[in-house]
N, C-alpha and C. Protein backbone atom coordinates (compact mmCIF):
# COMPACT_ATOMS: atom_id res chain seq x y z
N MET A 1 0.85 -1.18 0.00
CA MET A 1 0.00 0.00 0.00
C MET A 1 0.90 1.24 0.00
N LYS A 2 0.55 2.19 -0.85
CA LYS A 2 1.38 3.37 -1.01
C LYS A 2 0.53 4.63 -1.09
N LYS A 3 1.24 5.75 -1.09
CA LYS A 3 0.62 7.05 -1.39
C LYS A 3 0.97 7.34 -2.84
N LEU A 4 -0.01 7.76 -3.60
CA LEU A 4 0.19 7.99 -5.02
C LEU A 4 -0.55 9.26 -5.44
N ILE A 5 0.10 10.08 -6.24
CA ILE A 5 -0.58 11.24 -6.82
C ILE A 5 -1.06 10.81 -8.20
N TYR A 6 -2.39 10.77 -8.35
CA TYR A 6 -3.02 10.27 -9.57
C TYR A 6 -3.57 11.45 -10.37
N ASN A 7 -3.22 11.53 -11.64
CA ASN A 7 -3.67 12.62 -12.51
C ASN A 7 -4.60 12.16 -13.62
N GLY A 8 -5.10 10.95 -13.52
CA GLY A 8 -5.88 10.35 -14.59
C GLY A 8 -7.23 10.98 -14.86
N LEU A 9 -7.72 11.83 -13.97
CA LEU A 9 -9.01 12.50 -14.20
C LEU A 9 -8.83 13.95 -14.61
N GLY A 10 -7.57 14.35 -14.82
CA GLY A 10 -7.31 15.71 -15.29
C GLY A 10 -6.79 16.66 -14.23
N PHE A 11 -6.75 16.20 -12.98
CA PHE A 11 -6.25 17.02 -11.88
C PHE A 11 -5.64 16.07 -10.85
N PRO A 12 -4.71 16.58 -10.04
CA PRO A 12 -4.04 15.69 -9.08
C PRO A 12 -4.95 15.28 -7.92
N ILE A 13 -4.92 13.98 -7.63
CA ILE A 13 -5.66 13.42 -6.50
C ILE A 13 -4.67 12.59 -5.71
N VAL A 14 -4.52 12.89 -4.43
CA VAL A 14 -3.62 12.12 -3.58
C VAL A 14 -4.37 10.90 -3.07
N LEU A 15 -3.87 9.73 -3.42
CA LEU A 15 -4.46 8.47 -2.98
C LEU A 15 -3.56 7.88 -1.91
N ARG A 16 -4.12 7.61 -0.76
CA ARG A 16 -3.35 7.02 0.34
C ARG A 16 -3.80 5.58 0.52
N GLY A 17 -2.85 4.72 0.81
CA GLY A 17 -3.16 3.33 1.10
C GLY A 17 -3.68 2.56 -0.10
N VAL A 18 -3.33 2.99 -1.29
CA VAL A 18 -3.82 2.34 -2.50
C VAL A 18 -2.80 1.32 -3.01
N GLN A 19 -3.29 0.19 -3.44
CA GLN A 19 -2.41 -0.78 -4.08
C GLN A 19 -2.10 -0.28 -5.48
N THR A 20 -0.91 -0.55 -5.95
CA THR A 20 -0.49 -0.07 -7.27
C THR A 20 0.03 -1.22 -8.11
N PHE A 21 0.15 -0.95 -9.40
CA PHE A 21 0.80 -1.88 -10.32
C PHE A 21 1.51 -1.04 -11.37
N GLU A 22 2.45 -1.65 -12.05
CA GLU A 22 3.20 -0.93 -13.07
C GLU A 22 2.73 -1.39 -14.45
N PHE A 23 2.48 -0.41 -15.31
CA PHE A 23 2.06 -0.70 -16.68
C PHE A 23 2.82 0.22 -17.62
N ARG A 24 3.61 -0.37 -18.49
CA ARG A 24 4.43 0.38 -19.45
C ARG A 24 5.27 1.46 -18.76
N GLY A 25 5.83 1.10 -17.64
CA GLY A 25 6.72 2.00 -16.92
C GLY A 25 6.03 3.03 -16.05
N GLU A 26 4.70 3.00 -16.00
CA GLU A 26 3.96 3.96 -15.19
C GLU A 26 3.31 3.24 -14.01
N VAL A 27 3.42 3.85 -12.82
CA VAL A 27 2.79 3.29 -11.63
C VAL A 27 1.35 3.78 -11.58
N LEU A 28 0.42 2.82 -11.54
CA LEU A 28 -1.01 3.15 -11.57
C LEU A 28 -1.71 2.54 -10.35
N PRO A 29 -2.81 3.17 -9.91
CA PRO A 29 -3.55 2.61 -8.79
C PRO A 29 -4.36 1.39 -9.24
N LYS A 30 -4.45 0.43 -8.36
CA LYS A 30 -5.25 -0.77 -8.64
C LYS A 30 -6.65 -0.51 -8.09
N ILE A 31 -7.50 0.10 -8.92
CA ILE A 31 -8.83 0.53 -8.50
C ILE A 31 -9.85 0.23 -9.59
N ASN A 32 -11.11 0.18 -9.21
CA ASN A 32 -12.21 0.15 -10.17
C ASN A 32 -12.43 1.59 -10.60
N HIS A 33 -12.11 1.91 -11.84
CA HIS A 33 -12.10 3.30 -12.29
C HIS A 33 -13.49 3.94 -12.22
N ARG A 34 -14.54 3.20 -12.55
CA ARG A 34 -15.89 3.78 -12.51
C ARG A 34 -16.29 4.13 -11.07
N GLU A 35 -16.01 3.22 -10.15
CA GLU A 35 -16.32 3.49 -8.74
C GLU A 35 -15.49 4.67 -8.23
N PHE A 36 -14.25 4.75 -8.70
CA PHE A 36 -13.38 5.86 -8.31
C PHE A 36 -13.94 7.19 -8.81
N GLU A 37 -14.40 7.23 -10.06
CA GLU A 37 -15.02 8.45 -10.59
C GLU A 37 -16.23 8.85 -9.76
N ASP A 38 -17.05 7.86 -9.36
CA ASP A 38 -18.21 8.14 -8.51
C ASP A 38 -17.77 8.79 -7.20
N MET A 39 -16.72 8.24 -6.60
CA MET A 39 -16.22 8.76 -5.33
C MET A 39 -15.70 10.19 -5.50
N VAL A 40 -14.97 10.44 -6.57
CA VAL A 40 -14.41 11.77 -6.82
C VAL A 40 -15.53 12.78 -7.06
N PHE A 41 -16.54 12.41 -7.83
CA PHE A 41 -17.66 13.31 -8.08
C PHE A 41 -18.33 13.71 -6.77
N LYS A 42 -18.58 12.73 -5.91
CA LYS A 42 -19.21 13.01 -4.62
C LYS A 42 -18.31 13.86 -3.73
N ALA A 43 -17.00 13.62 -3.79
CA ALA A 43 -16.06 14.41 -3.00
C ALA A 43 -16.04 15.86 -3.49
N LEU A 44 -16.09 16.06 -4.81
CA LEU A 44 -16.09 17.42 -5.36
C LEU A 44 -17.36 18.17 -4.99
N LEU A 45 -18.47 17.46 -4.84
CA LEU A 45 -19.72 18.10 -4.44
C LEU A 45 -19.53 18.88 -3.14
N ARG A 46 -18.80 18.30 -2.22
CA ARG A 46 -18.59 18.93 -0.90
C ARG A 46 -17.15 19.44 -0.72
N TYR A 47 -16.44 19.57 -1.81
CA TYR A 47 -15.05 20.05 -1.81
C TYR A 47 -15.01 21.45 -1.19
N PRO A 48 -14.21 21.65 -0.14
CA PRO A 48 -14.22 22.94 0.57
C PRO A 48 -13.33 24.01 -0.06
N ALA A 49 -13.33 24.07 -1.38
CA ALA A 49 -12.55 25.08 -2.10
C ALA A 49 -13.23 25.31 -3.44
N ARG A 50 -12.83 26.37 -4.11
CA ARG A 50 -13.39 26.69 -5.42
C ARG A 50 -12.91 25.67 -6.46
N PHE A 51 -13.72 25.44 -7.48
CA PHE A 51 -13.35 24.51 -8.55
C PHE A 51 -12.27 25.10 -9.44
N SER A 52 -11.41 24.22 -9.93
CA SER A 52 -10.47 24.59 -10.98
C SER A 52 -11.16 24.29 -12.32
N GLY A 53 -10.54 24.74 -13.40
CA GLY A 53 -11.08 24.41 -14.71
C GLY A 53 -11.13 22.92 -14.95
N ALA A 54 -10.11 22.20 -14.47
CA ALA A 54 -10.06 20.75 -14.63
C ALA A 54 -11.16 20.07 -13.82
N HIS A 55 -11.43 20.57 -12.62
CA HIS A 55 -12.54 20.02 -11.82
C HIS A 55 -13.85 20.17 -12.59
N LEU A 56 -14.08 21.38 -13.12
CA LEU A 56 -15.32 21.66 -13.82
C LEU A 56 -15.47 20.77 -15.06
N SER A 57 -14.38 20.59 -15.78
CA SER A 57 -14.41 19.73 -16.96
C SER A 57 -14.77 18.29 -16.58
N PHE A 58 -14.20 17.80 -15.48
CA PHE A 58 -14.53 16.45 -15.00
C PHE A 58 -16.00 16.37 -14.63
N VAL A 59 -16.49 17.34 -13.87
CA VAL A 59 -17.88 17.34 -13.41
C VAL A 59 -18.83 17.31 -14.61
N ARG A 60 -18.59 18.16 -15.57
CA ARG A 60 -19.46 18.22 -16.76
C ARG A 60 -19.40 16.91 -17.54
N GLY A 61 -18.20 16.38 -17.70
CA GLY A 61 -18.05 15.11 -18.41
C GLY A 61 -18.70 13.95 -17.68
N TYR A 62 -18.58 13.94 -16.37
CA TYR A 62 -19.19 12.89 -15.56
C TYR A 62 -20.70 12.87 -15.76
N MET A 63 -21.29 14.05 -15.86
CA MET A 63 -22.74 14.15 -16.07
C MET A 63 -23.12 14.00 -17.54
N GLN A 64 -22.13 13.76 -18.39
CA GLN A 64 -22.32 13.56 -19.83
C GLN A 64 -23.06 14.72 -20.48
N LEU A 65 -22.62 15.93 -20.14
CA LEU A 65 -23.22 17.14 -20.69
C LEU A 65 -22.25 17.82 -21.64
N SER A 66 -22.75 18.30 -22.76
CA SER A 66 -21.93 19.12 -23.64
C SER A 66 -21.75 20.49 -22.97
N GLN A 67 -20.77 21.24 -23.44
CA GLN A 67 -20.60 22.59 -22.91
C GLN A 67 -21.85 23.42 -23.19
N LYS A 68 -22.47 23.21 -24.33
CA LYS A 68 -23.67 23.96 -24.70
C LYS A 68 -24.82 23.65 -23.74
N LYS A 69 -25.06 22.37 -23.46
CA LYS A 69 -26.14 21.98 -22.56
C LYS A 69 -25.86 22.48 -21.14
N PHE A 70 -24.62 22.34 -20.70
CA PHE A 70 -24.23 22.79 -19.36
C PHE A 70 -24.44 24.29 -19.23
N ALA A 71 -24.02 25.04 -20.25
CA ALA A 71 -24.21 26.50 -20.25
C ALA A 71 -25.69 26.84 -20.16
N SER A 72 -26.50 26.12 -20.90
CA SER A 72 -27.95 26.36 -20.87
C SER A 72 -28.52 26.12 -19.47
N MET A 73 -28.07 25.07 -18.80
CA MET A 73 -28.54 24.78 -17.45
C MET A 73 -28.17 25.90 -16.47
N LEU A 74 -27.07 26.60 -16.77
CA LEU A 74 -26.60 27.69 -15.91
C LEU A 74 -27.19 29.04 -16.33
N GLY A 75 -28.04 29.03 -17.34
CA GLY A 75 -28.66 30.27 -17.79
C GLY A 75 -27.74 31.13 -18.65
N LEU A 76 -26.72 30.52 -19.23
CA LEU A 76 -25.79 31.25 -20.08
C LEU A 76 -26.24 31.13 -21.53
N SER A 77 -26.04 32.17 -22.32
CA SER A 77 -26.53 32.18 -23.69
C SER A 77 -25.66 31.35 -24.64
N THR A 78 -24.37 31.21 -24.34
CA THR A 78 -23.49 30.40 -25.18
C THR A 78 -22.58 29.55 -24.29
N HIS A 79 -21.89 28.61 -24.94
CA HIS A 79 -20.97 27.74 -24.21
C HIS A 79 -19.60 28.39 -23.99
N ALA A 80 -19.39 29.57 -24.53
CA ALA A 80 -18.07 30.21 -24.46
C ALA A 80 -17.62 30.44 -23.02
N THR A 81 -18.54 30.78 -22.14
CA THR A 81 -18.18 31.01 -20.74
C THR A 81 -17.70 29.72 -20.09
N VAL A 82 -18.42 28.62 -20.32
CA VAL A 82 -18.02 27.32 -19.77
C VAL A 82 -16.65 26.93 -20.33
N SER A 83 -16.46 27.13 -21.62
CA SER A 83 -15.18 26.83 -22.25
C SER A 83 -14.05 27.63 -21.61
N GLY A 84 -14.31 28.90 -21.34
CA GLY A 84 -13.30 29.75 -20.69
C GLY A 84 -12.98 29.27 -19.29
N TRP A 85 -14.00 28.89 -18.53
CA TRP A 85 -13.77 28.38 -17.18
C TRP A 85 -12.93 27.11 -17.22
N GLU A 86 -13.30 26.19 -18.11
CA GLU A 86 -12.56 24.93 -18.20
C GLU A 86 -11.14 25.16 -18.70
N GLY A 87 -10.96 26.19 -19.52
CA GLY A 87 -9.65 26.50 -20.06
C GLY A 87 -8.65 26.95 -19.00
N LYS A 88 -9.11 27.25 -17.81
CA LYS A 88 -8.21 27.67 -16.73
C LYS A 88 -7.38 26.49 -16.22
N LYS A 89 -7.73 25.27 -16.64
CA LYS A 89 -7.02 24.04 -16.26
C LYS A 89 -6.91 23.90 -14.74
N HIS A 90 -5.69 24.08 -14.21
CA HIS A 90 -5.46 23.84 -12.78
C HIS A 90 -5.64 25.10 -11.92
N LEU A 91 -6.05 26.19 -12.54
CA LEU A 91 -6.32 27.42 -11.79
C LEU A 91 -7.81 27.50 -11.47
N ALA A 92 -8.16 28.34 -10.51
CA ALA A 92 -9.58 28.56 -10.19
C ALA A 92 -10.28 29.10 -11.43
N THR A 93 -11.53 28.69 -11.62
CA THR A 93 -12.27 29.08 -12.82
C THR A 93 -12.52 30.58 -12.91
N GLY A 94 -12.66 31.23 -11.76
CA GLY A 94 -13.00 32.64 -11.75
C GLY A 94 -14.50 32.89 -11.90
N MET A 95 -15.29 31.82 -11.88
CA MET A 95 -16.74 31.98 -12.00
C MET A 95 -17.29 32.62 -10.73
N PRO A 96 -18.43 33.30 -10.83
CA PRO A 96 -19.05 33.85 -9.62
C PRO A 96 -19.41 32.73 -8.65
N VAL A 97 -19.37 33.04 -7.37
CA VAL A 97 -19.72 32.05 -6.34
C VAL A 97 -21.12 31.50 -6.59
N THR A 98 -22.03 32.36 -7.02
CA THR A 98 -23.40 31.91 -7.26
C THR A 98 -23.45 30.82 -8.33
N ALA A 99 -22.63 30.95 -9.36
CA ALA A 99 -22.59 29.92 -10.41
C ALA A 99 -22.07 28.61 -9.85
N GLU A 100 -21.06 28.69 -8.99
CA GLU A 100 -20.51 27.47 -8.42
C GLU A 100 -21.53 26.79 -7.50
N VAL A 101 -22.29 27.57 -6.78
CA VAL A 101 -23.34 27.00 -5.92
C VAL A 101 -24.38 26.28 -6.78
N VAL A 102 -24.79 26.91 -7.88
CA VAL A 102 -25.76 26.28 -8.77
C VAL A 102 -25.20 24.99 -9.35
N ILE A 103 -23.93 25.00 -9.74
CA ILE A 103 -23.31 23.79 -10.27
C ILE A 103 -23.33 22.68 -9.23
N ARG A 104 -23.02 23.01 -7.99
CA ARG A 104 -23.04 21.98 -6.94
C ARG A 104 -24.46 21.47 -6.69
N LEU A 105 -25.44 22.33 -6.81
CA LEU A 105 -26.84 21.89 -6.70
C LEU A 105 -27.21 20.96 -7.85
N ILE A 106 -26.75 21.28 -9.05
CA ILE A 106 -26.99 20.41 -10.20
C ILE A 106 -26.32 19.06 -9.97
N MET A 107 -25.11 19.08 -9.44
CA MET A 107 -24.40 17.84 -9.12
C MET A 107 -25.18 17.00 -8.12
N ALA A 108 -25.67 17.64 -7.07
CA ALA A 108 -26.43 16.92 -6.05
C ALA A 108 -27.69 16.31 -6.64
N ASP A 109 -28.35 17.06 -7.49
CA ASP A 109 -29.55 16.54 -8.14
C ASP A 109 -29.19 15.36 -9.04
N PHE A 110 -28.07 15.43 -9.71
CA PHE A 110 -27.64 14.38 -10.64
C PHE A 110 -27.46 13.04 -9.92
N ILE A 111 -26.90 13.08 -8.72
CA ILE A 111 -26.67 11.82 -7.99
C ILE A 111 -27.81 11.51 -7.02
N GLY A 112 -28.84 12.34 -7.02
CA GLY A 112 -29.99 12.07 -6.17
C GLY A 112 -29.74 12.35 -4.71
N ASP A 113 -28.86 13.30 -4.41
CA ASP A 113 -28.56 13.66 -3.02
C ASP A 113 -29.59 14.68 -2.55
N GLY A 114 -30.73 14.20 -2.10
CA GLY A 114 -31.81 15.08 -1.68
C GLY A 114 -31.48 15.90 -0.46
N THR A 115 -30.54 15.46 0.36
CA THR A 115 -30.18 16.23 1.55
C THR A 115 -29.46 17.51 1.16
N PHE A 116 -28.84 17.52 -0.01
CA PHE A 116 -28.09 18.69 -0.45
C PHE A 116 -28.98 19.64 -1.24
N ALA A 117 -29.96 19.10 -1.95
CA ALA A 117 -30.69 19.95 -2.89
C ALA A 117 -32.16 19.57 -3.04
N SER A 118 -32.89 19.54 -1.95
CA SER A 118 -34.31 19.19 -2.07
C SER A 118 -35.06 20.26 -2.85
N HIS A 119 -35.92 19.84 -3.72
CA HIS A 119 -36.79 20.68 -4.56
C HIS A 119 -36.03 21.53 -5.57
N PHE A 120 -34.75 21.31 -5.75
CA PHE A 120 -33.99 22.14 -6.68
C PHE A 120 -34.44 21.93 -8.12
N ARG A 121 -34.69 20.68 -8.51
CA ARG A 121 -35.08 20.38 -9.89
C ARG A 121 -36.35 21.15 -10.26
N GLU A 122 -37.31 21.22 -9.35
CA GLU A 122 -38.55 21.95 -9.62
C GLU A 122 -38.25 23.42 -9.92
N PHE A 123 -37.37 24.02 -9.17
CA PHE A 123 -37.04 25.43 -9.36
C PHE A 123 -36.41 25.67 -10.72
N LEU A 124 -35.56 24.74 -11.17
CA LEU A 124 -34.91 24.90 -12.47
C LEU A 124 -35.92 24.93 -13.61
N GLU A 125 -37.05 24.27 -13.42
CA GLU A 125 -38.02 24.14 -14.49
C GLU A 125 -39.12 25.21 -14.45
N ILE A 126 -39.05 26.15 -13.53
CA ILE A 126 -40.06 27.20 -13.41
C ILE A 126 -39.78 28.29 -14.44
N ASP A 127 -40.79 28.57 -15.25
CA ASP A 127 -40.68 29.65 -16.24
C ASP A 127 -41.63 30.80 -15.93
N ALA A 128 -42.44 30.65 -14.89
CA ALA A 128 -43.46 31.65 -14.57
C ALA A 128 -42.83 32.97 -14.13
N LEU A 129 -43.52 34.04 -14.46
CA LEU A 129 -43.09 35.37 -14.03
C LEU A 129 -43.46 35.57 -12.57
N PRO A 130 -42.79 36.50 -11.89
CA PRO A 130 -43.12 36.76 -10.48
C PRO A 130 -44.58 37.17 -10.32
N SER A 131 -45.17 36.76 -9.22
CA SER A 131 -46.55 37.14 -8.89
C SER A 131 -46.62 37.35 -7.39
N ASP A 132 -47.81 37.73 -6.92
CA ASP A 132 -47.97 37.95 -5.48
C ASP A 132 -47.68 36.66 -4.72
N LEU A 133 -46.98 36.78 -3.64
CA LEU A 133 -46.69 35.65 -2.77
C LEU A 133 -47.88 35.40 -1.88
N GLU A 134 -48.39 34.18 -1.87
CA GLU A 134 -49.53 33.84 -1.04
C GLU A 134 -49.08 32.89 0.06
N MET A 135 -49.48 33.21 1.30
CA MET A 135 -49.10 32.39 2.44
C MET A 135 -50.27 32.26 3.40
N LYS A 136 -50.37 31.13 4.03
CA LYS A 136 -51.35 30.95 5.09
C LYS A 136 -50.63 31.22 6.40
N VAL A 137 -51.14 32.15 7.16
CA VAL A 137 -50.54 32.50 8.44
C VAL A 137 -51.43 31.96 9.54
N ALA A 138 -50.86 31.20 10.45
CA ALA A 138 -51.64 30.54 11.50
C ALA A 138 -52.30 31.51 12.43
């Protein structure tokens, strides 16, 4: 068991206690790659730092979204903004905090994490204009 810095998802991930093997001169972790991607996606959901461009690219790819579809989900008119964020590679995307919060809510909805984002999907699909707020007061 070793500590290994793995870059196979586009950004460095420190793996501790992982078994490794050598393939064509490269030391690789002995892991189920799909399960590993699931773990990384969930870890990024609650990652206590801003996303890098590489993180964002992984998140979008994991959800199998084109830049155009992802941009549309974020209320952006073109994919150019998403492309610019992802182009930052290992640097912070520079996106507004509000955009990052929405992305994390989309991520939570994608994996069905209701504790993180209850009723979020309904809000995304609302097209109605503002109207008077009605409430029952006890």
